PDB file of N, CA and C in Angstrom:
ATOM      1  N   MET A   1       5.737  10.811 -11.220  1.00  0.00           N
ATOM      2  CA  MET A   1       4.953  11.316 -10.114  1.00  0.00           C
ATOM      3  C   MET A   1       5.574  10.821  -8.810  1.00  0.00           C
ATOM      4  N   SER A   2       5.637  11.687  -7.825  1.00  0.00           N
ATOM      5  CA  SER A   2       6.182  11.280  -6.539  1.00  0.00           C
ATOM      6  C   SER A   2       5.141  10.486  -5.757  1.00  0.00           C
ATOM      7  N   ALA A   3       5.608   9.661  -4.839  1.00  0.00           N
ATOM      8  CA  ALA A   3       4.698   8.875  -4.001  1.00  0.00           C
ATOM      9  C   ALA A   3       3.836   9.802  -3.152  1.00  0.00           C
ATOM     10  N   TYR A   4       4.408  10.928  -2.717  1.00  0.00           N
ATOM     11  CA  TYR A   4       3.655  11.920  -1.938  1.00  0.00           C
ATOM     12  C   TYR A   4       2.445  12.404  -2.739  1.00  0.00           C
ATOM     13  N   ARG A   5       2.692  12.824  -3.970  1.00  0.00           N
ATOM     14  CA  ARG A   5       1.585  13.301  -4.815  1.00  0.00           C
ATOM     15  C   ARG A   5       0.632  12.166  -5.169  1.00  0.00           C
ATOM     16  N   GLY A   6       1.165  10.954  -5.318  1.00  0.00           N
ATOM     17  CA  GLY A   6       0.322   9.799  -5.608  1.00  0.00           C
ATOM     18  C   GLY A   6      -0.686   9.536  -4.502  1.00  0.00           C
ATOM     19  N   VAL A   7      -0.237   9.627  -3.250  1.00  0.00           N
ATOM     20  CA  VAL A   7      -1.145   9.421  -2.114  1.00  0.00           C
ATOM     21  C   VAL A   7      -2.189  10.534  -2.073  1.00  0.00           C
ATOM     22  N   LYS A   8      -1.768  11.770  -2.295  1.00  0.00           N
ATOM     23  CA  LYS A   8      -2.706  12.897  -2.299  1.00  0.00           C
ATOM     24  C   LYS A   8      -3.765  12.714  -3.388  1.00  0.00           C
ATOM     25  N   ARG A   9      -3.333  12.310  -4.568  1.00  0.00           N
ATOM     26  CA  ARG A   9      -4.265  12.091  -5.678  1.00  0.00           C
ATOM     27  C   ARG A   9      -5.191  10.905  -5.391  1.00  0.00           C
ATOM     28  N   LEU A  10      -4.637   9.841  -4.845  1.00  0.00           N
ATOM     29  CA  LEU A  10      -5.425   8.659  -4.501  1.00  0.00           C
ATOM     30  C   LEU A  10      -6.516   9.009  -3.489  1.00  0.00           C
ATOM     31  N   ALA A  11      -6.191   9.845  -2.513  1.00  0.00           N
ATOM     32  CA  ALA A  11      -7.163  10.230  -1.484  1.00  0.00           C
ATOM     33  C   ALA A  11      -8.369  10.944  -2.084  1.00  0.00           C
ATOM     34  N   VAL A  12      -8.163  11.638  -3.175  1.00  0.00           N
ATOM     35  CA  VAL A  12      -9.258  12.341  -3.847  1.00  0.00           C
ATOM     36  C   VAL A  12     -10.003  11.419  -4.798  1.00  0.00           C
ATOM     37  N   GLU A  13      -9.260  10.695  -5.613  1.00  0.00           N
ATOM     38  CA  GLU A  13      -9.864   9.887  -6.673  1.00  0.00           C
ATOM     39  C   GLU A  13     -10.377   8.526  -6.211  1.00  0.00           C
ATOM     40  N   ARG A  14      -9.691   7.909  -5.236  1.00  0.00           N
ATOM     41  CA  ARG A  14     -10.054   6.555  -4.786  1.00  0.00           C
ATOM     42  C   ARG A  14      -9.796   6.415  -3.293  1.00  0.00           C
ATOM     43  N   PRO A  15     -10.523   7.161  -2.464  1.00  0.00           N
ATOM     44  CA  PRO A  15     -10.264   7.179  -1.016  1.00  0.00           C
ATOM     45  C   PRO A  15     -10.408   5.818  -0.340  1.00  0.00           C
ATOM     46  N   GLU A  16     -11.139   4.903  -0.952  1.00  0.00           N
ATOM     47  CA  GLU A  16     -11.290   3.562  -0.370  1.00  0.00           C
ATOM     48  C   GLU A  16      -9.964   2.797  -0.350  1.00  0.00           C
ATOM     49  N   TRP A  17      -8.963   3.288  -1.073  1.00  0.00           N
ATOM     50  CA  TRP A  17      -7.642   2.649  -1.116  1.00  0.00           C
ATOM     51  C   TRP A  17      -6.706   3.119  -0.001  1.00  0.00           C
ATOM     52  N   ILE A  18      -7.069   4.165   0.720  1.00  0.00           N
ATOM     53  CA  ILE A  18      -6.185   4.691   1.769  1.00  0.00           C
ATOM     54  C   ILE A  18      -5.890   3.647   2.854  1.00  0.00           C
ATOM     55  N   PRO A  19      -6.868   2.843   3.313  1.00  0.00           N
ATOM     56  CA  PRO A  19      -6.512   1.802   4.287  1.00  0.00           C
ATOM     57  C   PRO A  19      -5.460   0.826   3.756  1.00  0.00           C
ATOM     58  N   LYS A  20      -5.468   0.572   2.460  1.00  0.00           N
ATOM     59  CA  LYS A  20      -4.469  -0.310   1.868  1.00  0.00           C
ATOM     60  C   LYS A  20      -3.088   0.354   1.891  1.00  0.00           C
ATOM     61  N   VAL A  21      -3.052   1.662   1.668  1.00  0.00           N
ATOM     62  CA  VAL A  21      -1.776   2.390   1.742  1.00  0.00           C
ATOM     63  C   VAL A  21      -1.241   2.341   3.168  1.00  0.00           C
ATOM     64  N   LEU A  22      -2.122   2.538   4.148  1.00  0.00           N
ATOM     65  CA  LEU A  22      -1.706   2.466   5.549  1.00  0.00           C
ATOM     66  C   LEU A  22      -1.155   1.076   5.883  1.00  0.00           C
ATOM     67  N   ALA A  23      -1.817   0.034   5.384  1.00  0.00           N
ATOM     68  CA  ALA A  23      -1.354  -1.333   5.617  1.00  0.00           C
ATOM     69  C   ALA A  23      -0.010  -1.575   4.916  1.00  0.00           C
ATOM     70  N   CYS A  24       0.161  -1.023   3.728  1.00  0.00           N
ATOM     71  CA  CYS A  24       1.443  -1.146   3.017  1.00  0.00           C
ATOM     72  C   CYS A  24       2.560  -0.470   3.807  1.00  0.00           C
ATOM     73  N   LEU A  25       2.263   0.694   4.374  1.00  0.00           N
ATOM     74  CA  LEU A  25       3.259   1.403   5.171  1.00  0.00           C
ATOM     75  C   LEU A  25       3.652   0.565   6.385  1.00  0.00           C
ATOM     76  N   GLU A  26       2.664  -0.057   7.019  1.00  0.00           N
ATOM     77  CA  GLU A  26       2.942  -0.914   8.172  1.00  0.00           C
ATOM     78  C   GLU A  26       3.791  -2.124   7.762  1.00  0.00           C
ATOM     79  N   CYS A  27       3.441  -2.746   6.640  1.00  0.00           N
ATOM     80  CA  CYS A  27       4.228  -3.884   6.145  1.00  0.00           C
ATOM     81  C   CYS A  27       5.640  -3.451   5.781  1.00  0.00           C
ATOM     82  N   HIS A  28       5.766  -2.277   5.197  1.00  0.00           N
ATOM     83  CA  HIS A  28       7.091  -1.757   4.847  1.00  0.00           C
ATOM     84  C   HIS A  28       7.963  -1.620   6.095  1.00  0.00           C
ATOM     85  N   LYS A  29       7.383  -1.063   7.150  1.00  0.00           N
ATOM     86  CA  LYS A  29       8.145  -0.854   8.381  1.00  0.00           C
ATOM     87  C   LYS A  29       8.542  -2.189   9.021  1.00  0.00           C
ATOM     88  N   LYS A  30       7.691  -3.196   8.849  1.00  0.00           N
ATOM     89  CA  LYS A  30       7.941  -4.499   9.466  1.00  0.00           C
ATOM     90  C   LYS A  30       8.872  -5.379   8.631  1.00  0.00           C
ATOM     91  N   TYR A  31       8.685  -5.376   7.301  1.00  0.00           N
ATOM     92  CA  TYR A  31       9.403  -6.317   6.438  1.00  0.00           C
ATOM     93  C   TYR A  31      10.322  -5.682   5.399  1.00  0.00           C
ATOM     94  N   GLY A  32      10.095  -4.434   5.057  1.00  0.00           N
ATOM     95  CA  GLY A  32      10.801  -3.820   3.933  1.00  0.00           C
ATOM     96  C   GLY A  32      10.073  -4.146   2.641  1.00  0.00           C
ATOM     97  N   GLU A  33      10.385  -5.281   2.090  1.00  0.00           N
ATOM     98  CA  GLU A  33       9.722  -5.786   0.877  1.00  0.00           C
ATOM     99  C   GLU A  33       8.564  -6.684   1.328  1.00  0.00           C
ATOM    100  N   PHE A  34       7.406  -6.588   0.669  1.00  0.00           N
ATOM    101  CA  PHE A  34       6.234  -7.333   1.133  1.00  0.00           C
ATOM    102  C   PHE A  34       5.359  -7.797  -0.023  1.00  0.00           C
ATOM    103  N   ALA A  35       4.557  -8.816   0.251  1.00  0.00           N
ATOM    104  CA  ALA A  35       3.614  -9.366  -0.731  1.00  0.00           C
ATOM    105  C   ALA A  35       2.221  -8.776  -0.492  1.00  0.00           C
ATOM    106  N   GLY A  36       1.445  -8.706  -1.547  1.00  0.00           N
ATOM    107  CA  GLY A  36       0.078  -8.207  -1.437  1.00  0.00           C
ATOM    108  C   GLY A  36      -0.758  -9.026  -0.479  1.00  0.00           C
ATOM    109  N   ASN A  37      -0.508 -10.324  -0.420  1.00  0.00           N
ATOM    110  CA  ASN A  37      -1.250 -11.193   0.482  1.00  0.00           C
ATOM    111  C   ASN A  37      -1.012 -10.811   1.943  1.00  0.00           C
ATOM    112  N   TRP A  38       0.173 -10.328   2.258  1.00  0.00           N
ATOM    113  CA  TRP A  38       0.478  -9.905   3.628  1.00  0.00           C
ATOM    114  C   TRP A  38      -0.334  -8.664   3.984  1.00  0.00           C
ATOM    115  N   VAL A  39      -0.505  -7.781   3.009  1.00  0.00           N
ATOM    116  CA  VAL A  39      -1.303  -6.568   3.217  1.00  0.00           C
ATOM    117  C   VAL A  39      -2.765  -6.963   3.452  1.00  0.00           C
ATOM    118  N   ARG A  40      -3.265  -7.901   2.645  1.00  0.00           N
ATOM    119  CA  ARG A  40      -4.648  -8.364   2.800  1.00  0.00           C
ATOM    120  C   ARG A  40      -4.868  -8.965   4.185  1.00  0.00           C
ATOM    121  N   LYS A  41      -3.947  -9.806   4.636  1.00  0.00           N
ATOM    122  CA  LYS A  41      -4.076 -10.425   5.956  1.00  0.00           C
ATOM    123  C   LYS A  41      -4.069  -9.385   7.069  1.00  0.00           C
ATOM    124  N   LEU A  42      -3.240  -8.377   6.944  1.00  0.00           N
ATOM    125  CA  LEU A  42      -3.196  -7.301   7.931  1.00  0.00           C
ATOM    126  C   LEU A  42      -4.529  -6.558   7.977  1.00  0.00           C
ATOM    127  N   LEU A  43      -5.083  -6.267   6.809  1.00  0.00           N
ATOM    128  CA  LEU A  43      -6.383  -5.584   6.755  1.00  0.00           C
ATOM    129  C   LEU A  43      -7.494  -6.451   7.355  1.00  0.00           C
ATOM    130  N   GLU A  44      -7.454  -7.740   7.087  1.00  0.00           N
ATOM    131  CA  GLU A  44      -8.458  -8.653   7.649  1.00  0.00           C
ATOM    132  C   GLU A  44      -8.355  -8.703   9.169  1.00  0.00           C
ATOM    133  N   GLU A  45      -7.140  -8.700   9.702  1.00  0.00           N
ATOM    134  CA  GLU A  45      -6.960  -8.679  11.159  1.00  0.00           C
ATOM    135  C   GLU A  45      -7.553  -7.413  11.756  1.00  0.00           C
ATOM    136  N   LYS A  46      -7.315  -6.286  11.106  1.00  0.00           N
ATOM    137  CA  LYS A  46      -7.815  -5.001  11.611  1.00  0.00           C
ATOM    138  C   LYS A  46      -9.337  -4.900  11.524  1.00  0.00           C
ATOM    139  N   GLU A  47      -9.915  -5.419  10.439  1.00  0.00           N
ATOM    140  CA  GLU A  47     -11.360  -5.323  10.238  1.00  0.00           C
ATOM    141  C   GLU A  47     -12.116  -6.482  10.877  1.00  0.00           C
ATOM    142  N   GLY A  48     -11.405  -7.540  11.213  1.00  0.00           N
ATOM    143  CA  GLY A  48     -12.038  -8.680  11.855  1.00  0.00           C
ATOM    144  C   GLY A  48     -12.935  -9.505  10.946  1.00  0.00           C
ATOM    145  N   LYS A  49     -12.693  -9.426   9.641  1.00  0.00           N
ATOM    146  CA  LYS A  49     -13.493 -10.204   8.690  1.00  0.00           C
ATOM    147  C   LYS A  49     -12.693 -10.415   7.416  1.00  0.00           C
ATOM    148  N   LYS A  50     -13.125 -11.391   6.618  1.00  0.00           N
ATOM    149  CA  LYS A  50     -12.514 -11.636   5.312  1.00  0.00           C
ATOM    150  C   LYS A  50     -12.850 -10.470   4.388  1.00  0.00           C
ATOM    151  N   ILE A  51     -11.891 -10.090   3.562  1.00  0.00           N
ATOM    152  CA  ILE A  51     -12.141  -9.018   2.603  1.00  0.00           C
ATOM    153  C   ILE A  51     -11.723  -9.468   1.210  1.00  0.00           C
ATOM    154  N   TRP A  52     -12.354  -8.873   0.214  1.00  0.00           N
ATOM    155  CA  TRP A  52     -11.941  -9.082  -1.163  1.00  0.00           C
ATOM    156  C   TRP A  52     -10.806  -8.113  -1.426  1.00  0.00           C
ATOM    157  N   PHE A  53      -9.748  -8.604  -2.019  1.00  0.00           N
ATOM    158  CA  PHE A  53      -8.564  -7.787  -2.221  1.00  0.00           C
ATOM    159  C   PHE A  53      -8.104  -7.905  -3.664  1.00  0.00           C
ATOM    160  N   PRO A  54      -8.211  -6.827  -4.437  1.00  0.00           N
ATOM    161  CA  PRO A  54      -7.905  -6.900  -5.858  1.00  0.00           C
ATOM    162  C   PRO A  54      -6.427  -6.862  -6.219  1.00  0.00           C
ATOM    163  N   GLY A  55      -5.542  -6.814  -5.249  1.00  0.00           N
ATOM    164  CA  GLY A  55      -4.119  -6.702  -5.535  1.00  0.00           C
ATOM    165  C   GLY A  55      -3.657  -5.260  -5.415  1.00  0.00           C
ATOM    166  N   LEU A  56      -2.392  -5.038  -5.652  1.00  0.00           N
ATOM    167  CA  LEU A  56      -1.804  -3.720  -5.398  1.00  0.00           C
ATOM    168  C   LEU A  56      -1.403  -2.960  -6.660  1.00  0.00           C
ATOM    169  N   ARG A  57      -1.824  -3.451  -7.816  1.00  0.00           N
ATOM    170  CA  ARG A  57      -1.437  -2.773  -9.065  1.00  0.00           C
ATOM    171  C   ARG A  57      -1.910  -1.320  -9.120  1.00  0.00           C
ATOM    172  N   THR A  58      -3.046  -1.031  -8.495  1.00  0.00           N
ATOM    173  CA  THR A  58      -3.541   0.354  -8.471  1.00  0.00           C
ATOM    174  C   THR A  58      -2.522   1.261  -7.795  1.00  0.00           C
ATOM    175  N   LEU A  59      -1.933   0.794  -6.699  1.00  0.00           N
ATOM    176  CA  LEU A  59      -0.946   1.610  -5.987  1.00  0.00           C
ATOM    177  C   LEU A  59       0.345   1.762  -6.785  1.00  0.00           C
ATOM    178  N   VAL A  60       0.644   0.782  -7.612  1.00  0.00           N
ATOM    179  CA  VAL A  60       1.791   0.905  -8.524  1.00  0.00           C
ATOM    180  C   VAL A  60       1.497   1.999  -9.547  1.00  0.00           C
ATOM    181  N   SER A  61       0.275   1.995 -10.088  1.00  0.00           N
ATOM    182  CA  SER A  61      -0.074   2.981 -11.116  1.00  0.00           C
ATOM    183  C   SER A  61      -0.093   4.414 -10.568  1.00  0.00           C
ATOM    184  N   TYR A  62      -0.296   4.575  -9.263  1.00  0.00           N
ATOM    185  CA  TYR A  62      -0.276   5.904  -8.640  1.00  0.00           C
ATOM    186  C   TYR A  62       1.132   6.299  -8.194  1.00  0.00           C
ATOM    187  N   GLY A  63       2.116   5.453  -8.443  1.00  0.00           N
ATOM    188  CA  GLY A  63       3.498   5.781  -8.097  1.00  0.00           C
ATOM    189  C   GLY A  63       3.818   5.631  -6.625  1.00  0.00           C
ATOM    190  N   ILE A  64       3.023   4.841  -5.897  1.00  0.00           N
ATOM    191  CA  ILE A  64       3.218   4.657  -4.467  1.00  0.00           C
ATOM    192  C   ILE A  64       4.075   3.420  -4.198  1.00  0.00           C
ATOM    193  N   LEU A  65       3.831   2.364  -4.952  1.00  0.00           N
ATOM    194  CA  LEU A  65       4.576   1.114  -4.813  1.00  0.00           C
ATOM    195  C   LEU A  65       5.346   0.809  -6.084  1.00  0.00           C
ATOM    196  N   LYS A  66       6.338  -0.048  -5.923  1.00  0.00           N
ATOM    197  CA  LYS A  66       7.082  -0.570  -7.064  1.00  0.00           C
ATOM    198  C   LYS A  66       7.163  -2.082  -6.907  1.00  0.00           C
ATOM    199  N   LYS A  67       6.833  -2.804  -7.971  1.00  0.00           N
ATOM    200  CA  LYS A  67       6.954  -4.257  -7.965  1.00  0.00           C
ATOM    201  C   LYS A  67       8.426  -4.602  -8.113  1.00  0.00           C
ATOM    202  N   VAL A  68       8.924  -5.462  -7.216  1.00  0.00           N
ATOM    203  CA  VAL A  68      10.346  -5.781  -7.238  1.00  0.00           C
ATOM    204  C   VAL A  68      10.652  -7.232  -7.559  1.00  0.00           C
ATOM    205  N   ASP A  69       9.681  -8.125  -7.375  1.00  0.00           N
ATOM    206  CA  ASP A  69       9.975  -9.541  -7.593  1.00  0.00           C
ATOM    207  C   ASP A  69       8.667 -10.317  -7.704  1.00  0.00           C
ATOM    208  N   THR A  70       8.767 -11.530  -8.244  1.00  0.00           N
ATOM    209  CA  THR A  70       7.636 -12.454  -8.251  1.00  0.00           C
ATOM    210  C   THR A  70       8.132 -13.806  -7.768  1.00  0.00           C
ATOM    211  N   ALA A  71       7.207 -14.579  -7.236  1.00  0.00           N
ATOM    212  CA  ALA A  71       7.546 -15.921  -6.750  1.00  0.00           C
ATOM    213  C   ALA A  71       6.349 -16.828  -6.969  1.00  0.00           C
ATOM    214  N   ARG A  72       6.504 -18.087  -6.595  1.00  0.00           N
ATOM    215  CA  ARG A  72       5.441 -19.081  -6.742  1.00  0.00           C
ATOM    216  C   ARG A  72       4.942 -19.157  -8.184  1.00  0.00           C
ATOM    217  N   GLY A  73       5.862 -19.256  -9.086  1.00  0.00           N
ATOM    218  CA  GLY A  73       5.500 -19.393 -10.493  1.00  0.00           C
ATOM    219  C   GLY A  73       4.805 -18.171 -11.060  1.00  0.00           C
ATOM    220  N   GLY A  74       5.149 -17.010 -10.545  1.00  0.00           N
ATOM    221  CA  GLY A  74       4.544 -15.772 -11.033  1.00  0.00           C
ATOM    222  C   GLY A  74       3.239 -15.415 -10.366  1.00  0.00           C
ATOM    223  N   ARG A  75       2.838 -16.176  -9.355  1.00  0.00           N
ATOM    224  CA  ARG A  75       1.543 -15.957  -8.710  1.00  0.00           C
ATOM    225  C   ARG A  75       1.620 -15.024  -7.510  1.00  0.00           C
ATOM    226  N   ARG A  76       2.783 -14.684  -7.032  1.00  0.00           N
ATOM    227  CA  ARG A  76       2.911 -13.760  -5.906  1.00  0.00           C
ATOM    228  C   ARG A  76       3.914 -12.673  -6.276  1.00  0.00           C
ATOM    229  N   ALA A  77       3.465 -11.429  -6.151  1.00  0.00           N
ATOM    230  CA  ALA A  77       4.339 -10.290  -6.433  1.00  0.00           C
ATOM    231  C   ALA A  77       4.799  -9.676  -5.119  1.00  0.00           C
ATOM    232  N   TYR A  78       6.017  -9.176  -5.135  1.00  0.00           N
ATOM    233  CA  TYR A  78       6.558  -8.478  -3.978  1.00  0.00           C
ATOM    234  C   TYR A  78       6.753  -7.012  -4.343  1.00  0.00           C
ATOM    235  N   TYR A  79       6.515  -6.143  -3.378  1.00  0.00           N
ATOM    236  CA  TYR A  79       6.522  -4.704  -3.600  1.00  0.00           C
ATOM    237  C   TYR A  79       7.375  -3.998  -2.555  1.00  0.00           C
ATOM    238  N   ILE A  80       7.772  -2.771  -2.896  1.00  0.00           N
ATOM    239  CA  ILE A  80       8.372  -1.849  -1.929  1.00  0.00           C
ATOM    240  C   ILE A  80       7.649  -0.515  -2.068  1.00  0.00           C
ATOM    241  N   LEU A  81       7.643   0.257  -0.996  1.00  0.00           N
ATOM    242  CA  LEU A  81       7.176   1.643  -1.082  1.00  0.00           C
ATOM    243  C   LEU A  81       8.281   2.435  -1.759  1.00  0.00           C
ATOM    244  N   ILE A  82       7.931   3.221  -2.750  1.00  0.00           N
ATOM    245  CA  ILE A  82       8.930   3.988  -3.492  1.00  0.00           C
ATOM    246  C   ILE A  82       9.557   5.064  -2.606  1.00  0.00           C
ATOM    247  N   ASP A  83       8.722   5.777  -1.851  1.00  0.00           N
ATOM    248  CA  ASP A  83       9.190   6.862  -0.993  1.00  0.00           C
ATOM    249  C   ASP A  83       8.412   6.810   0.323  1.00  0.00           C
ATOM    250  N   PRO A  84       8.834   5.982   1.274  1.00  0.00           N
ATOM    251  CA  PRO A  84       8.090   5.829   2.520  1.00  0.00           C
ATOM    252  C   PRO A  84       7.879   7.151   3.276  1.00  0.00           C
ATOM    253  N   GLU A  85       8.898   8.016   3.258  1.00  0.00           N
ATOM    254  CA  GLU A  85       8.774   9.300   3.960  1.00  0.00           C
ATOM    255  C   GLU A  85       7.708  10.180   3.304  1.00  0.00           C
ATOM    256  N   GLY A  86       7.680  10.204   1.969  1.00  0.00           N
ATOM    257  CA  GLY A  86       6.671  10.978   1.258  1.00  0.00           C
ATOM    258  C   GLY A  86       5.269  10.446   1.490  1.00  0.00           C
ATOM    259  N   VAL A  87       5.135   9.113   1.507  1.00  0.00           N
ATOM    260  CA  VAL A  87       3.837   8.484   1.768  1.00  0.00           C
ATOM    261  C   VAL A  87       3.359   8.858   3.167  1.00  0.00           C
ATOM    262  N   GLU A  88       4.270   8.737   4.131  1.00  0.00           N
ATOM    263  CA  GLU A  88       3.921   9.053   5.520  1.00  0.00           C
ATOM    264  C   GLU A  88       3.551  10.526   5.673  1.00  0.00           C
ATOM    265  N   LYS A  89       4.286  11.403   5.019  1.00  0.00           N
ATOM    266  CA  LYS A  89       4.002  12.846   5.088  1.00  0.00           C
ATOM    267  C   LYS A  89       2.612  13.141   4.520  1.00  0.00           C
ATOM    268  N   ALA A  90       2.291  12.558   3.375  1.00  0.00           N
ATOM    269  CA  ALA A  90       0.983  12.782   2.756  1.00  0.00           C
ATOM    270  C   ALA A  90      -0.140  12.263   3.658  1.00  0.00           C
ATOM    271  N   LEU A  91       0.041  11.066   4.234  1.00  0.00           N
ATOM    272  CA  LEU A  91      -0.987  10.496   5.116  1.00  0.00           C
ATOM    273  C   LEU A  91      -1.171  11.354   6.363  1.00  0.00           C
ATOM    274  N   ARG A  92      -0.086  11.923   6.869  1.00  0.00           N
ATOM    275  CA  ARG A  92      -0.178  12.832   8.027  1.00  0.00           C
ATOM    276  C   ARG A  92      -0.970  14.085   7.667  1.00  0.00           C
ATOM    277  N   GLU A  93      -0.627  14.688   6.543  1.00  0.00           N
ATOM    278  CA  GLU A  93      -1.312  15.906   6.103  1.00  0.00           C
ATOM    279  C   GLU A  93      -2.802  15.658   5.846  1.00  0.00           C
ATOM    280  N   LEU A  94      -3.128  14.452   5.396  1.00  0.00           N
ATOM    281  CA  LEU A  94      -4.532  14.099   5.128  1.00  0.00           C
ATOM    282  C   LEU A  94      -5.286  13.713   6.399  1.00  0.00           C
ATOM    283  N   GLY A  95      -4.559  13.594   7.523  1.00  0.00           N
ATOM    284  CA  GLY A  95      -5.190  13.290   8.792  1.00  0.00           C
ATOM    285  C   GLY A  95      -5.342  11.799   9.094  1.00  0.00           C
ATOM    286  N   TYR A  96      -4.668  10.951   8.339  1.00  0.00           N
ATOM    287  CA  TYR A  96      -4.746   9.514   8.580  1.00  0.00           C
ATOM    288  C   TYR A  96      -3.715   9.019   9.575  1.00  0.00           C
ATOM    289  N   LEU A  97      -2.681   9.808   9.827  1.00  0.00           N
ATOM    290  CA  LEU A  97      -1.648   9.483  10.813  1.00  0.00           C
ATOM    291  C   LEU A  97      -1.475  10.653  11.751  1.00  0.00           C
ATOM    292  N   LYS A  98      -1.045  10.350  12.978  1.00  0.00           N
ATOM    293  CA  LYS A  98      -0.785  11.427  13.947  1.00  0.00           C
ATOM    294  C   LYS A  98       0.665  11.809  13.921  1.00  0.00           C
TER     295      LYS A  98
END
């Protein structure tokens, strides 16, 4: 499945995950490879409160992210966006980006 189709499917099946995709896109643009904890911190800054964050495995299962590495004894995973252009295109079409 392409990342573009993954975002489109996610928007229908689990729309509460779209802010996490947007945060992943922002982290991708800033760092390239990123940890889930960085995405959580970005979301907390935007929302102005602590949030519960279940990790990014859901986005991996939708074909949006790919796990590339682990650190801290296996306790921190690092991810990349599989197709940043496709993700951005889908988010634009869905009205989440201008």
